[in-house]
Amino acid sequence: MRNYTTQMDAAKRSIVTPEMKAVAAKEFRSEEEIRALVAEGRVAICANRLHTCIDPNGVGSMLRTKINVNLGVSRDCKDYDIEMQKVMTAVSMGAEAIMDLSSHGNTQPFRRKLTAECPAMIGTVPVYDSVIHYQRDLAELTAKDFIDVVRLHAEDGVDFVTLHCGITRKTIEQIRTHKRKMNIVSRGGSLVFAWMCMTGNENPFYEHFDEILDICREYDVTVSLGDACRPGCLADASDVCQIEELVRLGELTKRAWAKDVQVMVEGPGHMPMDQIEANMKLQQTICMGAPFYVLGPLVTDIAPGYDHITSAIGGAIAAASGAAFLCYVTPAEHLALPNVEDVKQGIIASRIAAHAADIAKKVPHARDIDDQMADARKAFDWEKQWECSIDPETARSIRDSRAPEHDDSCSMCGKFCAVRSMNKALNGEYIDIL
């Protein structure tokens, strides 16, 4: 029987939970170190007490960079079996979190299936589900309706919820005054903005934040503070709307921690490369080291079909500069609901970015697999190379489809292979080229 309410409550009372022990083992850190980081809010272990099949992971800038995969049905693509196939693909490829962003139909059975069967952290955006759950137009919903859906998701076992708490009535005037090129591109943020405009009321997630925290504390749900004003194009990066919202998210972080509720803070968005590091440092200061969860950032606006690459470039810089959690981006970003192959490509790109960042920030043992790959390449040990690969299937298929005459080379270099020549030269062997 738990004698604590949340991971943060336990950590503050010097209790090391089973989840902290699991995270410590994965991260090559002591249990006491993880406990202290959770107590400070610098590490979040998103683990709803009702999600009993979870394989716990810690999210924090000093830990391995984690990957989140967005999926879910829409009105145009509503096959839950395909979404479950995406879930299994994502988990098998090493994603630590799944966010169900479904915006059509009866969402609860799929959400409950995730928390009953999926070992990854499960996240949702309750404002999406509010319109669907009540089957009423946005303007007809009340503040209580929104809060009740937060509770529903907590009861269903969701580990973290994205709540767009940082925009207020003041934001309406800011958006109108500062004339952003892309306005608000956050789907949840735009819904909250529209609701405020139509009803004249304050943002319910901001106005009733303490009540929401009580729900999150009861079920040990982590609050992911959504960035409604994240830049949706390079021109809007680091503008007053984005930074002013970040300041408010810092204030809300303190309020959550005071109630022992864990927090992640969400960030950009689209952003030029030269602004990314400064944004990461600013967030760490304003939000007191709370884990930073970024979408990309995408470093150019002109690559539809290849935004998993623009995102990986920005994600590597962001994670090396302090971001803890990368939300993957697929080739379908801005174009369509991703299919299974899009999901695979998005995960691979994000994992490359996360791994590169972990090496740069010297996460314990992050480079071990790279050193093993170097040894395997030197020895022409192809099976070991597949074992070390992020995507063994693709690596193997490329080589098999263009197989060389001899195993101690590839079809690009043949006997001109530098590794082959050096191995022979250093062993005193004759080097045959022709």
Protein backbone atom coordinates (compact mmCIF):
# COMPACT_ATOMS: atom_id res chain seq x y z
CA MET A 1 0.00 0.00 0.00
CA ARG A 2 1.41 3.40 -1.00
CA ASN A 3 2.09 5.73 1.91
CA TYR A 4 2.57 8.73 -0.38
CA THR A 5 0.40 10.53 -2.93
CA THR A 6 2.79 11.32 -5.78
CA GLN A 7 6.37 10.60 -6.79
CA MET A 8 7.26 14.15 -5.75
CA ASP A 9 5.54 13.77 -2.38
CA ALA A 10 7.50 10.57 -1.73
CA ALA A 11 10.76 12.15 -2.84
CA LYS A 12 10.29 15.16 -0.55
CA ARG A 13 9.72 12.76 2.36
CA SER A 14 12.88 10.80 1.51
CA ILE A 15 10.93 7.75 0.28
CA VAL A 16 12.52 5.90 -2.63
CA THR A 17 9.67 4.44 -4.70
CA PRO A 18 9.84 1.36 -6.95
CA GLU A 19 9.64 3.74 -9.93
CA MET A 20 12.68 5.70 -8.71
CA LYS A 21 14.60 2.44 -8.30
CA ALA A 22 13.73 1.43 -11.87
CA VAL A 23 14.81 4.81 -13.26
CA ALA A 24 18.07 4.77 -11.28
CA ALA A 25 18.99 1.37 -12.73
CA LYS A 26 18.30 2.51 -16.30
CA GLU A 27 20.22 5.76 -15.93
CA PHE A 28 23.29 4.34 -14.12
CA ARG A 29 22.63 6.65 -11.19
CA SER A 30 22.06 6.06 -7.49
CA GLU A 31 18.53 5.77 -6.13
CA GLU A 32 19.24 8.67 -3.79
CA GLU A 33 20.34 10.87 -6.68
CA ILE A 34 17.11 10.18 -8.58
CA ARG A 35 15.03 10.77 -5.44
CA ALA A 36 16.70 14.15 -4.86
CA LEU A 37 16.13 15.21 -8.48
CA VAL A 38 12.44 14.25 -8.30
CA ALA A 39 12.09 16.19 -5.03
CA GLU A 40 13.57 19.27 -6.71
CA GLY A 41 11.29 18.90 -9.76
CA ARG A 42 14.27 18.53 -12.12
CA VAL A 43 13.22 14.95 -12.96
CA ALA A 44 9.64 13.84 -13.59
CA ILE A 45 8.60 10.18 -13.41
CA CYS A 46 5.26 10.19 -15.20
CA ALA A 47 3.43 7.21 -13.71
CA ASN A 48 -0.28 7.36 -12.89
CA ARG A 49 -0.92 5.03 -9.94
CA LEU A 50 -3.59 3.26 -12.04
CA HIS A 51 -1.22 2.55 -14.97
CA THR A 52 0.06 -0.67 -13.46
CA CYS A 53 1.79 -2.07 -16.57
CA ILE A 54 4.06 0.94 -17.00
CA ASP A 55 7.81 0.54 -17.42
CA PRO A 56 8.91 3.70 -15.56
CA ASN A 57 11.19 6.29 -17.12
CA GLY A 58 12.58 9.54 -15.81
CA VAL A 59 12.45 12.77 -17.79
CA GLY A 60 15.17 15.30 -17.00
CA SER A 61 17.99 17.15 -18.75
CA MET A 62 20.70 15.13 -16.96
CA LEU A 63 19.13 11.79 -17.97
CA ARG A 64 18.86 10.07 -21.34
CA THR A 65 16.78 12.19 -23.70
CA LYS A 66 13.34 10.61 -24.05
CA ILE A 67 11.13 10.35 -27.15
CA ASN A 68 7.38 10.92 -27.39
CA VAL A 69 5.23 9.64 -30.26
CA ASN A 70 1.95 11.40 -31.14
CA LEU A 71 -0.83 9.36 -32.69
CA GLY A 72 -4.62 8.99 -32.60
CA VAL A 73 -7.59 8.93 -34.94
CA SER A 74 -9.20 11.85 -36.76
CA ARG A 75 -12.43 12.28 -38.69
CA ASP A 76 -10.58 11.46 -41.94
CA CYS A 77 -8.55 8.54 -40.54
CA LYS A 78 -10.43 6.64 -37.87
CA ASP A 79 -9.05 3.10 -37.76
CA TYR A 80 -8.05 2.31 -34.16
CA ASP A 81 -6.43 -0.98 -35.23
CA ILE A 82 -3.93 0.98 -37.32
CA GLU A 83 -3.29 3.32 -34.38
CA MET A 84 -2.57 0.31 -32.16
CA GLN A 85 -0.17 -0.97 -34.81
CA LYS A 86 1.60 2.39 -34.61
CA VAL A 87 1.75 2.07 -30.82
CA MET A 88 3.41 -1.33 -31.01
CA THR A 89 5.85 -0.10 -33.66
CA ALA A 90 6.74 2.90 -31.51
CA VAL A 91 7.31 0.84 -28.36
CA SER A 92 9.37 -1.78 -30.20
CA MET A 93 11.57 0.99 -31.62
CA GLY A 94 12.29 2.46 -28.21
CA ALA A 95 9.82 5.33 -27.77
CA GLU A 96 9.31 6.06 -24.07
CA ALA A 97 5.96 7.86 -24.40
CA ILE A 98 2.77 7.74 -26.46
CA MET A 99 0.41 10.70 -26.72
CA ASP A 100 -3.14 9.89 -27.80
CA LEU A 101 -4.33 12.95 -29.72
CA SER A 102 -7.54 11.37 -31.02
CA SER A 103 -10.10 13.90 -32.16
CA HIS A 104 -12.99 11.72 -33.35
CA GLY A 105 -15.37 9.06 -32.09
CA ASN A 106 -15.45 7.25 -28.76
CA THR A 107 -11.92 7.86 -27.50
CA GLN A 108 -12.16 6.22 -24.08
CA PRO A 109 -11.85 2.52 -25.06
CA PHE A 110 -8.62 3.21 -26.96
CA ARG A 111 -7.25 5.32 -24.10
CA ARG A 112 -8.06 2.59 -21.59
CA LYS A 113 -6.51 -0.04 -23.85
CA LEU A 114 -3.30 1.99 -23.90
CA THR A 115 -3.08 2.28 -20.12
CA ALA A 116 -4.01 -1.39 -19.68
CA GLU A 117 -1.51 -2.81 -22.19
CA CYS A 118 1.17 -0.27 -23.12
CA PRO A 119 4.32 -0.01 -20.95
CA ALA A 120 5.21 3.45 -22.25
CA MET A 121 4.15 6.69 -20.57
CA ILE A 122 0.71 7.70 -21.87
CA GLY A 123 -0.18 11.35 -22.42
CA THR A 124 -3.31 13.14 -23.63
CA VAL A 125 -4.64 16.64 -24.31
CA PRO A 126 -8.00 16.73 -22.46
CA VAL A 127 -9.24 19.86 -24.25
CA TYR A 128 -9.36 17.84 -27.51
CA ASP A 129 -11.54 15.24 -25.89
CA SER A 130 -13.95 17.71 -24.32
CA VAL A 131 -15.88 18.50 -27.50
CA ILE A 132 -15.95 14.80 -28.46
CA HIS A 133 -16.93 13.55 -25.01
CA TYR A 134 -19.87 15.92 -24.59
CA GLN A 135 -20.80 16.10 -28.29
CA ARG A 136 -21.36 19.83 -27.98
CA ASP A 137 -19.84 22.74 -29.82
CA LEU A 138 -16.93 24.50 -28.16
CA ALA A 139 -18.86 27.60 -27.08
CA GLU A 140 -21.44 25.45 -25.26
CA LEU A 141 -18.87 23.86 -22.94
CA THR A 142 -18.33 25.17 -19.41
CA ALA A 143 -15.22 25.40 -17.29
CA LYS A 144 -16.56 22.46 -15.26
CA ASP A 145 -16.87 20.38 -18.43
CA PHE A 146 -13.18 20.85 -19.20
CA ILE A 147 -12.11 20.00 -15.65
CA ASP A 148 -14.32 16.91 -15.55
CA VAL A 149 -12.55 15.57 -18.66
CA VAL A 150 -9.19 16.06 -16.93
CA ARG A 151 -10.51 13.90 -14.11
CA LEU A 152 -11.85 11.32 -16.60
CA HIS A 153 -8.41 10.98 -18.20
CA ALA A 154 -6.76 10.68 -14.77
CA GLU A 155 -9.24 7.93 -13.83
CA ASP A 156 -8.41 6.15 -17.12
CA GLY A 157 -4.76 5.89 -16.05
CA VAL A 158 -3.15 8.60 -18.18
CA ASP A 159 0.36 9.47 -16.94
CA PHE A 160 0.60 13.07 -18.13
CA VAL A 161 -1.83 15.64 -19.50
CA THR A 162 -1.02 18.62 -21.66
CA LEU A 163 -2.92 21.64 -20.39
CA HIS A 164 -2.72 25.03 -22.07
CA CYS A 165 -2.78 26.99 -18.83
CA GLY A 166 -0.43 29.79 -19.82
CA ILE A 167 -2.64 31.84 -22.12
CA THR A 168 -5.14 34.24 -20.57
CA ARG A 169 -7.50 36.99 -21.63
CA LYS A 170 -4.39 39.17 -21.92
CA THR A 171 -3.08 36.87 -24.65
CA ILE A 172 -6.04 37.77 -26.90
CA GLU A 173 -4.90 41.38 -27.04
CA GLN A 174 -1.26 40.35 -27.47
CA ILE A 175 -2.09 38.21 -30.49
CA ARG A 176 -4.12 41.02 -32.02
CA THR A 177 -1.51 43.68 -31.27
CA HIS A 178 1.73 41.92 -32.21
CA LYS A 179 0.45 40.57 -35.55
CA ARG A 180 2.17 37.19 -35.61
CA LYS A 181 2.68 35.71 -39.06
CA MET A 182 1.14 32.36 -38.02
CA ASN A 183 -0.91 33.39 -34.96
CA ILE A 184 -1.47 30.32 -32.72
CA VAL A 185 -0.59 26.95 -34.28
CA SER A 186 -1.13 24.83 -31.17
CA ARG A 187 -4.36 22.89 -31.70
CA GLY A 188 -5.19 22.88 -27.97
CA GLY A 189 -4.09 26.49 -27.60
CA SER A 190 -6.31 27.60 -30.47
CA LEU A 191 -9.31 25.83 -28.92
CA VAL A 192 -8.78 27.56 -25.57
CA PHE A 193 -8.23 30.90 -27.33
CA ALA A 194 -11.43 30.44 -29.38
CA TRP A 195 -13.41 29.47 -26.26
CA MET A 196 -12.26 32.61 -24.44
CA CYS A 197 -13.14 34.76 -27.45
CA MET A 198 -16.63 33.26 -27.80
CA THR A 199 -17.58 33.14 -24.12
CA GLY A 200 -15.73 36.16 -22.75
CA ASN A 201 -14.48 34.00 -19.88
CA GLU A 202 -10.98 33.43 -18.56
CA ASN A 203 -9.01 30.33 -19.58
CA PRO A 204 -10.57 27.58 -17.41
CA PHE A 205 -7.27 25.71 -17.12
CA TYR A 206 -5.65 28.85 -15.69
CA GLU A 207 -8.57 30.03 -13.58
CA HIS A 208 -9.17 26.60 -12.00
CA PHE A 209 -5.55 25.47 -11.91
CA ASP A 210 -5.62 24.58 -8.21
CA GLU A 211 -8.62 22.31 -8.69
CA ILE A 212 -6.83 20.57 -11.57
CA LEU A 213 -3.76 20.11 -9.37
CA ASP A 214 -5.91 18.38 -6.76
CA ILE A 215 -7.01 15.87 -9.41
CA CYS A 216 -3.45 15.32 -10.60
CA ARG A 217 -2.23 14.84 -7.04
CA GLU A 218 -4.94 12.24 -6.35
CA TYR A 219 -3.89 10.03 -9.29
CA ASP A 220 -0.22 11.07 -9.57
CA VAL A 221 -0.67 12.61 -13.00
CA THR A 222 2.12 14.84 -14.29
CA VAL A 223 1.10 18.22 -15.70
CA SER A 224 2.69 19.03 -19.04
CA LEU A 225 2.30 22.80 -19.34
CA GLY A 226 1.38 23.32 -22.98
CA ASP A 227 2.88 26.15 -25.01
CA ALA A 228 -0.14 27.57 -26.78
CA CYS A 229 2.01 30.38 -28.20
CA ARG A 230 4.82 28.22 -29.52
CA PRO A 231 6.12 29.63 -32.81
CA GLY A 232 4.67 27.95 -35.89
CA CYS A 233 7.17 29.55 -38.23
CA LEU A 234 10.64 31.03 -37.97
CA ALA A 235 9.27 34.59 -38.09
CA ASP A 236 7.38 34.12 -34.79
CA ALA A 237 10.24 32.53 -32.84
CA SER A 238 11.17 34.11 -29.48
CA ASP A 239 8.51 36.82 -29.77
CA VAL A 240 6.75 38.52 -26.89
CA CYS A 241 3.77 36.11 -26.96
CA GLN A 242 6.00 33.04 -26.60
CA ILE A 243 8.20 34.51 -23.87
CA GLU A 244 5.35 36.06 -21.88
CA GLU A 245 3.58 32.70 -21.82
CA LEU A 246 6.79 31.02 -20.66
CA VAL A 247 7.00 33.41 -17.71
CA ARG A 248 3.48 32.42 -16.69
CA LEU A 249 4.35 28.73 -17.03
CA GLY A 250 7.20 29.33 -14.60
CA GLU A 251 4.72 30.71 -12.07
CA LEU A 252 2.40 27.73 -12.58
CA THR A 253 5.33 25.33 -12.12
CA LYS A 254 5.89 26.70 -8.62
CA ARG A 255 2.20 26.30 -7.79
CA ALA A 256 2.20 22.68 -8.97
CA TRP A 257 5.31 21.77 -7.02
CA ALA A 258 3.80 23.30 -3.88
CA LYS A 259 1.08 20.61 -4.19
CA ASP A 260 3.61 17.85 -4.97
CA VAL A 261 2.46 17.60 -8.59
CA GLN A 262 5.20 16.88 -11.12
CA VAL A 263 5.62 19.25 -14.05
CA MET A 264 7.03 19.23 -17.57
CA VAL A 265 7.12 22.44 -19.60
CA GLU A 266 6.49 22.39 -23.34
CA GLY A 267 8.48 24.49 -25.79
CA PRO A 268 8.94 25.46 -29.45
CA GLY A 269 8.02 24.89 -32.27
CA HIS A 270 9.73 26.39 -35.29
CA MET A 271 12.97 28.23 -34.48
CA PRO A 272 16.20 29.28 -36.24
CA MET A 273 19.18 27.22 -35.10
CA ASP A 274 20.96 30.19 -33.55
CA GLN A 275 18.08 30.83 -31.11
CA ILE A 276 17.63 27.29 -29.78
CA GLU A 277 20.34 27.17 -27.12
CA ALA A 278 19.30 30.54 -25.67
CA ASN A 279 15.67 29.40 -25.48
CA MET A 280 16.65 26.23 -23.62
CA LYS A 281 18.69 28.21 -21.07
CA LEU A 282 15.90 30.76 -20.63
CA GLN A 283 13.39 28.00 -19.91
CA GLN A 284 15.70 26.36 -17.40
CA THR A 285 16.01 29.67 -15.56
CA ILE A 286 12.35 30.75 -15.64
CA CYS A 287 10.98 27.26 -14.89
CA MET A 288 13.69 26.38 -12.34
CA GLY A 289 15.01 23.31 -14.12
CA ALA A 290 11.66 21.61 -14.75
CA PRO A 291 12.02 19.11 -17.63
CA PHE A 292 11.61 20.81 -21.01
CA TYR A 293 9.55 19.00 -23.67
CA VAL A 294 10.05 20.32 -27.22
CA LEU A 295 8.36 19.74 -30.57
CA GLY A 296 11.41 19.78 -32.80
CA PRO A 297 12.30 22.58 -32.94
CA LEU A 298 12.00 22.68 -36.73
CA VAL A 299 14.87 24.79 -38.07
CA THR A 300 13.34 25.72 -41.42
CA ASP A 301 9.81 26.12 -42.76
CA ILE A 302 10.36 24.85 -46.32
CA ALA A 303 10.73 21.07 -45.99
CA PRO A 304 7.25 19.47 -46.07
CA GLY A 305 7.76 15.75 -46.48
CA TYR A 306 11.13 15.99 -44.72
CA ASP A 307 10.22 17.68 -41.46
CA HIS A 308 11.45 14.66 -39.50
CA ILE A 309 14.90 15.85 -40.64
CA THR A 310 14.39 19.55 -39.86
CA SER A 311 13.06 18.47 -36.47
CA ALA A 312 15.98 16.13 -35.76
CA ILE A 313 18.47 18.92 -36.44
CA GLY A 314 16.72 21.24 -34.00
CA GLY A 315 16.03 18.45 -31.51
CA ALA A 316 19.70 17.51 -31.28
CA ILE A 317 20.67 21.12 -30.54
CA ALA A 318 17.82 21.52 -28.06
CA ALA A 319 18.59 18.32 -26.14
CA ALA A 320 22.31 19.05 -26.04
CA SER A 321 21.39 22.47 -24.61
CA GLY A 322 19.06 21.18 -21.88
CA ALA A 323 15.81 19.85 -23.35
CA ALA A 324 14.80 16.54 -21.75
CA PHE A 325 12.01 15.21 -23.96
CA LEU A 326 11.65 15.31 -27.75
CA CYS A 327 8.26 15.02 -29.40
CA TYR A 328 8.89 13.24 -32.66
CA VAL A 329 7.97 14.78 -35.99
CA THR A 330 7.18 12.62 -39.02
CA PRO A 331 7.49 13.19 -42.79
CA ALA A 332 3.72 13.78 -42.74
CA GLU A 333 3.97 16.85 -40.46
CA HIS A 334 1.83 19.73 -41.84
CA LEU A 335 0.47 17.36 -44.52
CA ALA A 336 -1.50 14.38 -43.19
CA LEU A 337 -2.07 11.92 -40.37
CA PRO A 338 1.12 9.80 -40.29
CA ASN A 339 0.93 6.18 -41.38
CA VAL A 340 2.97 3.34 -39.88
CA GLU A 341 6.00 4.03 -42.11
CA ASP A 342 5.85 7.75 -41.26
CA VAL A 343 5.84 6.83 -37.56
CA LYS A 344 8.91 4.66 -38.06
CA GLN A 345 10.81 7.40 -39.89
CA GLY A 346 9.86 9.97 -37.26
CA ILE A 347 11.03 7.76 -34.40
CA ILE A 348 14.35 6.97 -36.07
CA ALA A 349 15.07 10.64 -36.73
CA SER A 350 14.19 11.58 -33.14
CA ARG A 351 16.23 8.75 -31.67
CA ILE A 352 19.26 9.83 -33.68
CA ALA A 353 18.83 13.39 -32.40
CA ALA A 354 18.36 12.24 -28.80
CA HIS A 355 21.35 9.89 -28.91
CA ALA A 356 23.62 12.51 -30.46
CA ALA A 357 22.61 14.96 -27.72
CA ASP A 358 23.18 12.39 -24.96
CA ILE A 359 26.73 11.86 -26.20
CA ALA A 360 27.32 15.63 -26.31
CA LYS A 361 26.09 16.14 -22.74
CA LYS A 362 28.00 13.05 -21.53
CA VAL A 363 25.08 11.01 -20.22
CA PRO A 364 26.60 7.96 -18.50
CA HIS A 365 27.35 5.13 -20.98
CA ALA A 366 25.62 6.95 -23.86
CA ARG A 367 28.60 6.40 -26.19
CA ASP A 368 29.13 2.72 -25.35
CA ILE A 369 27.10 1.50 -28.33
CA ASP A 370 29.03 3.80 -30.70
CA ASP A 371 32.34 2.35 -29.50
CA GLN A 372 30.96 -1.15 -30.06
CA MET A 373 29.93 -0.14 -33.59
CA ALA A 374 33.45 1.15 -34.30
CA ASP A 375 34.94 -2.17 -33.17
CA ALA A 376 32.46 -4.09 -35.33
CA ARG A 377 33.23 -1.98 -38.41
CA LYS A 378 36.97 -2.44 -37.97
CA ALA A 379 36.49 -6.20 -37.73
CA PHE A 380 33.94 -6.36 -40.59
CA ASP A 381 31.56 -8.00 -38.11
CA TRP A 382 28.33 -7.33 -39.95
CA GLU A 383 26.04 -9.11 -37.49
CA LYS A 384 27.41 -6.98 -34.64
CA GLN A 385 26.86 -3.87 -36.77
CA TRP A 386 23.19 -4.79 -37.20
CA GLU A 387 22.96 -5.35 -33.45
CA CYS A 388 24.34 -1.84 -32.79
CA SER A 389 22.12 -0.14 -35.38
CA ILE A 390 19.11 2.03 -34.57
CA ASP A 391 17.36 0.42 -37.56
CA PRO A 392 18.98 -2.99 -38.21
CA GLU A 393 16.39 -4.04 -40.78
CA THR A 394 17.12 -1.13 -43.11
CA ALA A 395 20.90 -1.38 -42.69
CA ARG A 396 20.87 -5.10 -43.47
CA SER A 397 18.55 -4.73 -46.46
CA ILE A 398 20.72 -2.02 -48.06
CA ARG A 399 23.83 -4.18 -47.83
CA ASP A 400 22.04 -7.33 -48.99
CA SER A 401 20.54 -5.55 -52.01
CA ARG A 402 23.98 -4.34 -53.14
CA ALA A 403 26.21 -7.11 -51.87
CA PRO A 404 29.95 -6.87 -52.61
CA GLU A 405 32.14 -9.65 -54.00
CA HIS A 406 33.98 -10.02 -50.67
CA ASP A 407 32.71 -9.64 -47.10
CA ASP A 408 35.67 -7.49 -46.03
CA SER A 409 34.33 -4.46 -47.94
CA CYS A 410 31.16 -2.88 -49.25
CA SER A 411 30.09 -2.33 -52.86
CA MET A 412 31.14 1.33 -52.72
CA CYS A 413 34.86 0.83 -52.05
CA GLY A 414 35.54 -2.84 -52.75
CA LYS A 415 39.26 -3.54 -52.38
CA PHE A 416 39.89 0.21 -52.10
CA CYS A 417 38.30 0.06 -48.61
CA ALA A 418 40.43 2.07 -46.17
CA VAL A 419 39.59 -0.20 -43.23
CA ARG A 420 40.61 -3.30 -45.21
CA SER A 421 43.86 -1.70 -46.35
CA MET A 422 44.79 -0.51 -42.86
CA ASN A 423 43.98 -3.87 -41.25
CA LYS A 424 46.23 -5.64 -43.75
CA ALA A 425 49.01 -3.05 -43.58
CA LEU A 426 49.19 -3.12 -39.80
CA ASN A 427 49.16 -6.94 -39.84
CA GLY A 428 52.05 -6.99 -42.30
CA GLU A 429 49.88 -8.52 -45.04
CA TYR A 430 50.07 -7.95 -48.81
CA ILE A 431 47.42 -5.44 -49.94
CA ASP A 432 45.86 -6.52 -53.23
CA ILE A 433 43.83 -3.85 -55.01
CA LEU A 434 43.32 -5.08 -58.58
